[in-house]
PDB file of N, CA and C in Angstrom:
ATOM      1  N   UNK A   1     -24.498 -45.851  94.156  1.00  0.00           N
ATOM      2  CA  UNK A   1     -23.582 -46.826  93.567  1.00  0.00           C
ATOM      3  C   UNK A   1     -24.112 -48.311  93.664  1.00  0.00           C
ATOM      4  N   UNK A   2     -24.972 -48.729  94.670  1.00  0.00           N
ATOM      5  CA  UNK A   2     -25.347 -50.044  94.843  1.00  0.00           C
ATOM      6  C   UNK A   2     -26.249 -50.311  93.618  1.00  0.00           C
ATOM      7  N   UNK A   3     -27.032 -49.436  93.339  1.00  0.00           N
ATOM      8  CA  UNK A   3     -28.086 -49.586  92.196  1.00  0.00           C
ATOM      9  C   UNK A   3     -27.227 -49.728  90.838  1.00  0.00           C
ATOM     10  N   UNK A   4     -26.294 -49.187  90.610  1.00  0.00           N
ATOM     11  CA  UNK A   4     -25.441 -49.468  89.458  1.00  0.00           C
ATOM     12  C   UNK A   4     -24.847 -50.903  89.366  1.00  0.00           C
ATOM     13  N   UNK A   5     -24.631 -51.556  90.485  1.00  0.00           N
ATOM     14  CA  UNK A   5     -24.142 -52.991  90.385  1.00  0.00           C
ATOM     15  C   UNK A   5     -25.388 -53.843  90.245  1.00  0.00           C
ATOM     16  N   UNK A   6     -26.509 -53.431  90.834  1.00  0.00           N
ATOM     17  CA  UNK A   6     -27.680 -54.469  90.716  1.00  0.00           C
ATOM     18  C   UNK A   6     -28.423 -54.448  89.481  1.00  0.00           C
ATOM     19  N   UNK A   7     -28.571 -53.338  89.007  1.00  0.00           N
ATOM     20  CA  UNK A   7     -29.269 -53.081  87.659  1.00  0.00           C
ATOM     21  C   UNK A   7     -28.822 -53.930  86.408  1.00  0.00           C
ATOM     22  N   UNK A   8     -27.562 -53.857  86.187  1.00  0.00           N
ATOM     23  CA  UNK A   8     -27.059 -54.660  84.956  1.00  0.00           C
ATOM     24  C   UNK A   8     -27.207 -56.221  85.046  1.00  0.00           C
ATOM     25  N   UNK A   9     -27.373 -56.614  86.272  1.00  0.00           N
ATOM     26  CA  UNK A   9     -27.404 -58.127  86.399  1.00  0.00           C
ATOM     27  C   UNK A   9     -28.788 -58.656  85.707  1.00  0.00           C
ATOM     28  N   UNK A  10     -29.868 -58.077  86.155  1.00  0.00           N
ATOM     29  CA  UNK A  10     -31.184 -58.457  85.516  1.00  0.00           C
ATOM     30  C   UNK A  10     -31.076 -58.279  83.956  1.00  0.00           C
ATOM     31  N   UNK A  11     -30.643 -57.091  83.517  1.00  0.00           N
ATOM     32  CA  UNK A  11     -30.513 -56.851  82.159  1.00  0.00           C
ATOM     33  C   UNK A  11     -29.749 -57.858  81.422  1.00  0.00           C
ATOM     34  N   UNK A  12     -28.670 -58.309  82.010  1.00  0.00           N
ATOM     35  CA  UNK A  12     -27.809 -59.302  81.275  1.00  0.00           C
ATOM     36  C   UNK A  12     -28.557 -60.754  81.271  1.00  0.00           C
ATOM     37  N   UNK A  13     -29.214 -61.201  82.493  1.00  0.00           N
ATOM     38  CA  UNK A  13     -29.930 -62.289  82.470  1.00  0.00           C
ATOM     39  C   UNK A  13     -31.224 -62.342  81.352  1.00  0.00           C
ATOM     40  N   UNK A  14     -31.833 -61.292  81.225  1.00  0.00           N
ATOM     41  CA  UNK A  14     -33.038 -61.141  80.340  1.00  0.00           C
ATOM     42  C   UNK A  14     -32.385 -61.348  78.909  1.00  0.00           C
ATOM     43  N   UNK A  15     -31.370 -60.555  78.588  1.00  0.00           N
ATOM     44  CA  UNK A  15     -30.860 -60.624  77.225  1.00  0.00           C
ATOM     45  C   UNK A  15     -30.458 -62.348  76.926  1.00  0.00           C
ATOM     46  N   UNK A  16     -29.718 -62.856  77.916  1.00  0.00           N
ATOM     47  CA  UNK A  16     -29.514 -64.291  77.558  1.00  0.00           C
ATOM     48  C   UNK A  16     -30.576 -65.231  77.535  1.00  0.00           C
ATOM     49  N   UNK A  17     -31.557 -65.085  78.399  1.00  0.00           N
ATOM     50  CA  UNK A  17     -32.826 -65.805  78.185  1.00  0.00           C
ATOM     51  C   UNK A  17     -33.547 -65.676  76.775  1.00  0.00           C
ATOM     52  N   UNK A  18     -33.518 -64.436  76.414  1.00  0.00           N
ATOM     53  CA  UNK A  18     -34.252 -64.108  75.141  1.00  0.00           C
ATOM     54  C   UNK A  18     -33.574 -64.648  73.978  1.00  0.00           C
ATOM     55  N   UNK A  19     -32.230 -64.954  74.121  1.00  0.00           N
ATOM     56  CA  UNK A  19     -31.456 -65.484  72.807  1.00  0.00           C
ATOM     57  C   UNK A  19     -31.465 -66.858  72.844  1.00  0.00           C
ATOM     58  N   UNK A  20     -31.990 -67.594  73.938  1.00  0.00           N
ATOM     59  CA  UNK A  20     -31.967 -69.006  74.025  1.00  0.00           C
ATOM     60  C   UNK A  20     -32.937 -69.727  73.104  1.00  0.00           C
ATOM     61  N   UNK A  21     -32.548 -70.936  72.466  1.00  0.00           N
ATOM     62  CA  UNK A  21     -33.356 -71.594  71.757  1.00  0.00           C
ATOM     63  C   UNK A  21     -34.241 -72.639  72.607  1.00  0.00           C
ATOM     64  N   UNK A  22     -35.358 -72.640  72.477  1.00  0.00           N
ATOM     65  CA  UNK A  22     -36.059 -73.626  73.419  1.00  0.00           C
ATOM     66  C   UNK A  22     -36.021 -75.111  72.699  1.00  0.00           C
ATOM     67  N   UNK A  23     -35.994 -76.226  73.559  1.00  0.00           N
ATOM     68  CA  UNK A  23     -35.868 -77.478  73.179  1.00  0.00           C
ATOM     69  C   UNK A  23     -37.199 -78.073  72.736  1.00  0.00           C
ATOM     70  N   UNK A  24     -37.311 -78.841  71.716  1.00  0.00           N
ATOM     71  CA  UNK A  24     -38.301 -79.422  71.263  1.00  0.00           C
ATOM     72  C   UNK A  24     -38.778 -80.526  72.198  1.00  0.00           C
ATOM     73  N   UNK A  25     -40.089 -80.934  72.282  1.00  0.00           N
ATOM     74  CA  UNK A  25     -40.525 -82.032  73.050  1.00  0.00           C
ATOM     75  C   UNK A  25     -39.620 -83.239  72.738  1.00  0.00           C
ATOM     76  N   UNK A  26     -39.080 -83.721  73.894  1.00  0.00           N
ATOM     77  CA  UNK A  26     -38.245 -84.993  73.839  1.00  0.00           C
ATOM     78  C   UNK A  26     -36.856 -84.712  73.579  1.00  0.00           C
ATOM     79  N   UNK A  27     -36.402 -83.492  73.245  1.00  0.00           N
ATOM     80  CA  UNK A  27     -34.915 -83.225  72.818  1.00  0.00           C
ATOM     81  C   UNK A  27     -34.069 -83.302  74.146  1.00  0.00           C
ATOM     82  N   UNK A  28     -34.568 -83.162  75.220  1.00  0.00           N
ATOM     83  CA  UNK A  28     -33.830 -83.376  76.648  1.00  0.00           C
ATOM     84  C   UNK A  28     -33.481 -84.676  76.753  1.00  0.00           C
ATOM     85  N   UNK A  29     -34.173 -85.658  75.950  1.00  0.00           N
ATOM     86  CA  UNK A  29     -33.768 -87.055  76.343  1.00  0.00           C
ATOM     87  C   UNK A  29     -32.804 -87.615  75.160  1.00  0.00           C
ATOM     88  N   UNK A  30     -32.413 -86.804  74.287  1.00  0.00           N
ATOM     89  CA  UNK A  30     -31.579 -87.220  73.098  1.00  0.00           C
ATOM     90  C   UNK A  30     -30.226 -87.598  73.669  1.00  0.00           C
ATOM     91  N   UNK A  31     -29.833 -88.635  73.270  1.00  0.00           N
ATOM     92  CA  UNK A  31     -28.496 -89.107  73.618  1.00  0.00           C
ATOM     93  C   UNK A  31     -27.463 -88.524  72.660  1.00  0.00           C
ATOM     94  N   UNK A  32     -26.373 -87.767  73.097  1.00  0.00           N
ATOM     95  CA  UNK A  32     -25.319 -87.233  72.256  1.00  0.00           C
ATOM     96  C   UNK A  32     -24.074 -87.992  72.445  1.00  0.00           C
ATOM     97  N   UNK A  33     -23.418 -88.429  71.517  1.00  0.00           N
ATOM     98  CA  UNK A  33     -22.323 -89.071  71.585  1.00  0.00           C
ATOM     99  C   UNK A  33     -21.107 -88.785  70.492  1.00  0.00           C
ATOM    100  N   UNK A  34     -19.892 -89.150  70.832  1.00  0.00           N
ATOM    101  CA  UNK A  34     -18.894 -89.216  69.750  1.00  0.00           C
ATOM    102  C   UNK A  34     -18.188 -90.524  69.496  1.00  0.00           C
ATOM    103  N   UNK A  35     -18.729 -91.481  70.224  1.00  0.00           N
ATOM    104  CA  UNK A  35     -18.289 -92.874  70.294  1.00  0.00           C
ATOM    105  C   UNK A  35     -19.073 -93.584  69.231  1.00  0.00           C
ATOM    106  N   UNK A  36     -18.512 -94.039  68.245  1.00  0.00           N
ATOM    107  CA  UNK A  36     -19.121 -94.824  67.183  1.00  0.00           C
ATOM    108  C   UNK A  36     -19.736 -96.192  67.685  1.00  0.00           C
ATOM    109  N   UNK A  37     -19.134 -96.786  68.693  1.00  0.00           N
ATOM    110  CA  UNK A  37     -19.864 -97.934  69.132  1.00  0.00           C
ATOM    111  C   UNK A  37     -21.182 -97.646  69.794  1.00  0.00           C
ATOM    112  N   UNK A  38     -21.474 -96.562  70.180  1.00  0.00           N
ATOM    113  CA  UNK A  38     -22.740 -96.210  70.729  1.00  0.00           C
ATOM    114  C   UNK A  38     -23.872 -96.179  69.613  1.00  0.00           C
ATOM    115  N   UNK A  39     -23.375 -96.110  68.341  1.00  0.00           N
ATOM    116  CA  UNK A  39     -24.608 -96.060  67.375  1.00  0.00           C
ATOM    117  C   UNK A  39     -24.483 -97.440  66.464  1.00  0.00           C
ATOM    118  N   UNK A  40     -23.659 -98.418  66.805  1.00  0.00           N
ATOM    119  CA  UNK A  40     -23.692 -99.764  66.172  1.00  0.00           C
ATOM    120  C   UNK A  40     -25.049-100.352  66.422  1.00  0.00           C
ATOM    121  N   UNK A  41     -25.759-100.795  65.428  1.00  0.00           N
ATOM    122  CA  UNK A  41     -27.107-101.468  65.602  1.00  0.00           C
ATOM    123  C   UNK A  41     -28.215-100.311  65.472  1.00  0.00           C
ATOM    124  N   UNK A  42     -27.774 -99.089  65.128  1.00  0.00           N
ATOM    125  CA  UNK A  42     -28.706 -98.073  65.052  1.00  0.00           C
ATOM    126  C   UNK A  42     -28.912 -97.790  63.632  1.00  0.00           C
ATOM    127  N   UNK A  43     -29.947 -97.050  63.203  1.00  0.00           N
ATOM    128  CA  UNK A  43     -30.382 -96.774  61.833  1.00  0.00           C
ATOM    129  C   UNK A  43     -30.144 -95.176  61.600  1.00  0.00           C
ATOM    130  N   UNK A  44     -29.454 -94.866  60.616  1.00  0.00           N
ATOM    131  CA  UNK A  44     -29.080 -93.345  60.365  1.00  0.00           C
ATOM    132  C   UNK A  44     -30.427 -92.742  59.806  1.00  0.00           C
ATOM    133  N   UNK A  45     -30.728 -91.584  60.464  1.00  0.00           N
ATOM    134  CA  UNK A  45     -32.040 -90.821  59.936  1.00  0.00           C
ATOM    135  C   UNK A  45     -31.707 -89.618  59.165  1.00  0.00           C
ATOM    136  N   UNK A  46     -30.489 -89.177  59.304  1.00  0.00           N
ATOM    137  CA  UNK A  46     -30.197 -87.873  58.316  1.00  0.00           C
ATOM    138  C   UNK A  46     -29.072 -87.138  59.062  1.00  0.00           C
ATOM    139  N   UNK A  47     -28.548 -86.153  58.162  1.00  0.00           N
ATOM    140  CA  UNK A  47     -27.274 -85.311  58.729  1.00  0.00           C
ATOM    141  C   UNK A  47     -27.912 -84.168  59.343  1.00  0.00           C
ATOM    142  N   UNK A  48     -27.094 -83.682  60.386  1.00  0.00           N
ATOM    143  CA  UNK A  48     -27.296 -82.433  61.135  1.00  0.00           C
ATOM    144  C   UNK A  48     -26.318 -81.408  60.863  1.00  0.00           C
ATOM    145  N   UNK A  49     -26.712 -80.106  60.821  1.00  0.00           N
ATOM    146  CA  UNK A  49     -25.733 -79.000  60.713  1.00  0.00           C
ATOM    147  C   UNK A  49     -26.475 -77.905  61.351  1.00  0.00           C
ATOM    148  N   UNK A  50     -25.802 -77.544  62.528  1.00  0.00           N
ATOM    149  CA  UNK A  50     -26.218 -76.362  63.315  1.00  0.00           C
ATOM    150  C   UNK A  50     -25.993 -75.040  62.390  1.00  0.00           C
ATOM    151  N   UNK A  51     -26.965 -74.103  62.239  1.00  0.00           N
ATOM    152  CA  UNK A  51     -26.890 -72.891  61.457  1.00  0.00           C
ATOM    153  C   UNK A  51     -25.618 -72.132  61.889  1.00  0.00           C
ATOM    154  N   UNK A  52     -25.076 -71.372  60.955  1.00  0.00           N
ATOM    155  CA  UNK A  52     -23.736 -70.641  61.259  1.00  0.00           C
ATOM    156  C   UNK A  52     -24.114 -69.266  60.890  1.00  0.00           C
ATOM    157  N   UNK A  53     -23.399 -68.325  61.537  1.00  0.00           N
ATOM    158  CA  UNK A  53     -23.559 -66.851  61.215  1.00  0.00           C
ATOM    159  C   UNK A  53     -22.956 -66.497  59.946  1.00  0.00           C
ATOM    160  N   UNK A  54     -22.815 -65.201  59.491  1.00  0.00           N
ATOM    161  CA  UNK A  54     -22.260 -64.840  58.428  1.00  0.00           C
ATOM    162  C   UNK A  54     -20.548 -64.989  58.335  1.00  0.00           C
ATOM    163  N   UNK A  55     -20.033 -65.178  59.499  1.00  0.00           N
ATOM    164  CA  UNK A  55     -18.634 -65.359  59.610  1.00  0.00           C
ATOM    165  C   UNK A  55     -18.362 -66.920  59.736  1.00  0.00           C
ATOM    166  N   UNK A  56     -19.366 -67.775  59.654  1.00  0.00           N
ATOM    167  CA  UNK A  56     -19.156 -69.305  59.669  1.00  0.00           C
ATOM    168  C   UNK A  56     -19.071 -69.754  61.092  1.00  0.00           C
ATOM    169  N   UNK A  57     -19.417 -68.887  62.169  1.00  0.00           N
ATOM    170  CA  UNK A  57     -19.410 -69.394  63.567  1.00  0.00           C
ATOM    171  C   UNK A  57     -20.725 -69.860  63.981  1.00  0.00           C
ATOM    172  N   UNK A  58     -20.718 -70.903  64.904  1.00  0.00           N
ATOM    173  CA  UNK A  58     -21.996 -71.314  65.427  1.00  0.00           C
ATOM    174  C   UNK A  58     -22.298 -70.584  66.769  1.00  0.00           C
ATOM    175  N   UNK A  59     -23.449 -70.463  67.160  1.00  0.00           N
ATOM    176  CA  UNK A  59     -23.972 -69.707  68.497  1.00  0.00           C
ATOM    177  C   UNK A  59     -23.573 -70.632  69.532  1.00  0.00           C
ATOM    178  N   UNK A  60     -22.533 -70.471  70.173  1.00  0.00           N
ATOM    179  CA  UNK A  60     -22.100 -71.428  71.247  1.00  0.00           C
ATOM    180  C   UNK A  60     -23.233 -71.576  72.347  1.00  0.00           C
ATOM    181  N   UNK A  61     -23.987 -70.606  72.478  1.00  0.00           N
ATOM    182  CA  UNK A  61     -25.107 -70.844  73.493  1.00  0.00           C
ATOM    183  C   UNK A  61     -26.031 -71.640  73.091  1.00  0.00           C
ATOM    184  N   UNK A  62     -26.576 -71.642  71.969  1.00  0.00           N
ATOM    185  CA  UNK A  62     -27.841 -72.417  71.402  1.00  0.00           C
ATOM    186  C   UNK A  62     -27.480 -73.543  70.515  1.00  0.00           C
ATOM    187  N   UNK A  63     -26.063 -73.886  70.241  1.00  0.00           N
ATOM    188  CA  UNK A  63     -25.680 -74.911  69.312  1.00  0.00           C
ATOM    189  C   UNK A  63     -26.371 -76.258  69.869  1.00  0.00           C
ATOM    190  N   UNK A  64     -26.093 -76.570  71.182  1.00  0.00           N
ATOM    191  CA  UNK A  64     -26.610 -77.966  71.545  1.00  0.00           C
ATOM    192  C   UNK A  64     -28.063 -78.083  71.322  1.00  0.00           C
ATOM    193  N   UNK A  65     -28.930 -76.892  71.711  1.00  0.00           N
ATOM    194  CA  UNK A  65     -30.196 -77.147  71.710  1.00  0.00           C
ATOM    195  C   UNK A  65     -30.650 -77.245  70.066  1.00  0.00           C
ATOM    196  N   UNK A  66     -29.990 -76.517  69.348  1.00  0.00           N
ATOM    197  CA  UNK A  66     -30.441 -76.726  67.910  1.00  0.00           C
ATOM    198  C   UNK A  66     -30.014 -78.023  67.436  1.00  0.00           C
ATOM    199  N   UNK A  67     -28.960 -78.611  67.758  1.00  0.00           N
ATOM    200  CA  UNK A  67     -28.427 -79.887  67.365  1.00  0.00           C
ATOM    201  C   UNK A  67     -29.502 -80.980  67.909  1.00  0.00           C
ATOM    202  N   UNK A  68     -29.918 -80.898  69.157  1.00  0.00           N
ATOM    203  CA  UNK A  68     -30.912 -81.967  69.801  1.00  0.00           C
ATOM    204  C   UNK A  68     -32.210 -81.687  69.030  1.00  0.00           C
ATOM    205  N   UNK A  69     -32.646 -80.505  68.713  1.00  0.00           N
ATOM    206  CA  UNK A  69     -33.889 -80.305  68.022  1.00  0.00           C
ATOM    207  C   UNK A  69     -33.886 -80.875  66.569  1.00  0.00           C
ATOM    208  N   UNK A  70     -32.856 -80.807  65.893  1.00  0.00           N
ATOM    209  CA  UNK A  70     -32.557 -81.336  64.621  1.00  0.00           C
ATOM    210  C   UNK A  70     -32.730 -82.901  64.721  1.00  0.00           C
ATOM    211  N   UNK A  71     -32.120 -83.455  65.740  1.00  0.00           N
ATOM    212  CA  UNK A  71     -32.227 -84.926  65.933  1.00  0.00           C
ATOM    213  C   UNK A  71     -33.742 -85.292  66.064  1.00  0.00           C
ATOM    214  N   UNK A  72     -34.543 -84.646  66.884  1.00  0.00           N
ATOM    215  CA  UNK A  72     -35.859 -85.058  67.174  1.00  0.00           C
ATOM    216  C   UNK A  72     -36.713 -84.674  65.775  1.00  0.00           C
ATOM    217  N   UNK A  73     -36.380 -83.622  64.993  1.00  0.00           N
ATOM    218  CA  UNK A  73     -37.015 -83.322  63.902  1.00  0.00           C
ATOM    219  C   UNK A  73     -36.751 -84.543  62.917  1.00  0.00           C
ATOM    220  N   UNK A  74     -35.586 -85.065  62.996  1.00  0.00           N
ATOM    221  CA  UNK A  74     -35.662 -86.261  61.911  1.00  0.00           C
ATOM    222  C   UNK A  74     -36.176 -87.709  62.501  1.00  0.00           C
ATOM    223  N   UNK A  75     -36.754 -87.528  63.603  1.00  0.00           N
ATOM    224  CA  UNK A  75     -37.414 -88.792  64.191  1.00  0.00           C
ATOM    225  C   UNK A  75     -36.442 -89.657  64.838  1.00  0.00           C
ATOM    226  N   UNK A  76     -35.322 -89.123  65.304  1.00  0.00           N
ATOM    227  CA  UNK A  76     -34.361 -89.940  65.976  1.00  0.00           C
ATOM    228  C   UNK A  76     -34.141 -89.704  67.358  1.00  0.00           C
ATOM    229  N   UNK A  77     -33.409 -90.521  68.028  1.00  0.00           N
ATOM    230  CA  UNK A  77     -33.167 -90.268  69.505  1.00  0.00           C
ATOM    231  C   UNK A  77     -31.647 -90.256  69.878  1.00  0.00           C
ATOM    232  N   UNK A  78     -30.746 -90.314  68.859  1.00  0.00           N
ATOM    233  CA  UNK A  78     -29.270 -90.289  69.296  1.00  0.00           C
ATOM    234  C   UNK A  78     -28.657 -89.313  68.134  1.00  0.00           C
ATOM    235  N   UNK A  79     -27.773 -88.478  68.697  1.00  0.00           N
ATOM    236  CA  UNK A  79     -26.910 -87.506  67.795  1.00  0.00           C
ATOM    237  C   UNK A  79     -25.537 -87.969  67.872  1.00  0.00           C
ATOM    238  N   UNK A  80     -24.960 -88.492  66.720  1.00  0.00           N
ATOM    239  CA  UNK A  80     -23.483 -88.624  66.643  1.00  0.00           C
ATOM    240  C   UNK A  80     -22.907 -87.420  66.235  1.00  0.00           C
ATOM    241  N   UNK A  81     -21.929 -86.851  67.022  1.00  0.00           N
ATOM    242  CA  UNK A  81     -21.323 -85.614  66.774  1.00  0.00           C
ATOM    243  C   UNK A  81     -20.127 -85.800  65.924  1.00  0.00           C
ATOM    244  N   UNK A  82     -19.998 -85.209  64.863  1.00  0.00           N
ATOM    245  CA  UNK A  82     -18.857 -85.421  64.055  1.00  0.00           C
ATOM    246  C   UNK A  82     -17.856 -84.257  64.080  1.00  0.00           C
ATOM    247  N   UNK A  83     -18.419 -83.093  64.296  1.00  0.00           N
ATOM    248  CA  UNK A  83     -17.488 -81.947  64.593  1.00  0.00           C
ATOM    249  C   UNK A  83     -18.173 -80.816  65.367  1.00  0.00           C
ATOM    250  N   UNK A  84     -17.316 -79.920  65.931  1.00  0.00           N
ATOM    251  CA  UNK A  84     -17.844 -78.724  66.641  1.00  0.00           C
ATOM    252  C   UNK A  84     -16.730 -78.051  67.451  1.00  0.00           C
ATOM    253  N   UNK A  85     -16.726 -76.919  67.739  1.00  0.00           N
ATOM    254  CA  UNK A  85     -15.886 -76.247  68.303  1.00  0.00           C
ATOM    255  C   UNK A  85     -16.093 -76.276  69.929  1.00  0.00           C
ATOM    256  N   UNK A  86     -15.056 -76.417  70.525  1.00  0.00           N
ATOM    257  CA  UNK A  86     -14.921 -76.480  72.028  1.00  0.00           C
ATOM    258  C   UNK A  86     -15.918 -77.579  72.575  1.00  0.00           C
ATOM    259  N   UNK A  87     -16.004 -78.730  71.957  1.00  0.00           N
ATOM    260  CA  UNK A  87     -16.796 -79.725  72.517  1.00  0.00           C
ATOM    261  C   UNK A  87     -18.251 -79.522  72.303  1.00  0.00           C
ATOM    262  N   UNK A  88     -18.759 -78.352  71.546  1.00  0.00           N
ATOM    263  CA  UNK A  88     -20.193 -78.164  71.367  1.00  0.00           C
ATOM    264  C   UNK A  88     -20.561 -78.636  69.952  1.00  0.00           C
ATOM    265  N   UNK A  89     -21.531 -79.421  69.998  1.00  0.00           N
ATOM    266  CA  UNK A  89     -22.005 -80.134  68.561  1.00  0.00           C
ATOM    267  C   UNK A  89     -22.287 -79.030  67.573  1.00  0.00           C
ATOM    268  N   UNK A  90     -21.756 -79.195  66.333  1.00  0.00           N
ATOM    269  CA  UNK A  90     -22.109 -78.303  65.209  1.00  0.00           C
ATOM    270  C   UNK A  90     -22.578 -79.121  64.063  1.00  0.00           C
ATOM    271  N   UNK A  91     -22.024 -80.248  63.855  1.00  0.00           N
ATOM    272  CA  UNK A  91     -22.385 -81.177  62.628  1.00  0.00           C
ATOM    273  C   UNK A  91     -22.426 -82.706  63.182  1.00  0.00           C
ATOM    274  N   UNK A  92     -23.142 -83.429  62.597  1.00  0.00           N
ATOM    275  CA  UNK A  92     -23.246 -84.807  62.817  1.00  0.00           C
ATOM    276  C   UNK A  92     -24.338 -85.556  62.167  1.00  0.00           C
ATOM    277  N   UNK A  93     -24.699 -86.710  62.679  1.00  0.00           N
ATOM    278  CA  UNK A  93     -25.652 -87.619  61.947  1.00  0.00           C
ATOM    279  C   UNK A  93     -26.792 -88.007  63.159  1.00  0.00           C
ATOM    280  N   UNK A  94     -28.040 -87.815  62.749  1.00  0.00           N
ATOM    281  CA  UNK A  94     -29.073 -88.452  63.705  1.00  0.00           C
ATOM    282  C   UNK A  94     -29.362 -89.924  63.396  1.00  0.00           C
ATOM    283  N   UNK A  95     -29.486 -90.631  64.537  1.00  0.00           N
ATOM    284  CA  UNK A  95     -29.680 -91.972  64.557  1.00  0.00           C
ATOM    285  C   UNK A  95     -30.946 -92.425  65.173  1.00  0.00           C
ATOM    286  N   UNK A  96     -31.527 -93.477  64.806  1.00  0.00           N
ATOM    287  CA  UNK A  96     -32.701 -94.140  65.457  1.00  0.00           C
ATOM    288  C   UNK A  96     -31.983 -95.462  66.168  1.00  0.00           C
ATOM    289  N   UNK A  97     -32.084 -95.328  67.506  1.00  0.00           N
ATOM    290  CA  UNK A  97     -31.454 -96.502  68.215  1.00  0.00           C
ATOM    291  C   UNK A  97     -32.449 -97.115  69.183  1.00  0.00           C
ATOM    292  N   UNK A  98     -32.321 -98.399  69.325  1.00  0.00           N
ATOM    293  CA  UNK A  98     -33.200 -99.165  70.162  1.00  0.00           C
ATOM    294  C   UNK A  98     -33.088 -98.609  71.592  1.00  0.00           C
ATOM    295  N   UNK A  99     -34.029 -98.532  72.314  1.00  0.00           N
ATOM    296  CA  UNK A  99     -33.786 -98.119  73.793  1.00  0.00           C
ATOM    297  C   UNK A  99     -33.240 -99.169  74.531  1.00  0.00           C
TER     298      UNK A  99
END
């Protein structure tokens, strides 16, 4: 009975880790904001849209990493979040802001 409780946990952890999107170099330092005053004085670099599945839903586990990676991909350091379910970034604009 004890084995039945212990075995599923490692399997669940392995599945969750396999599904995770890796952060691009520097993506962990990307500033995410919903506050327009945070991007005053910044230069827009491009629009961001996290991929959606066939039902139009974003992957809640990987959405933030995908958003951050897109900011880095556009050569920016700040992501202005314009929409997203449950506070998770799904769409926005990448900005280059002075440090």
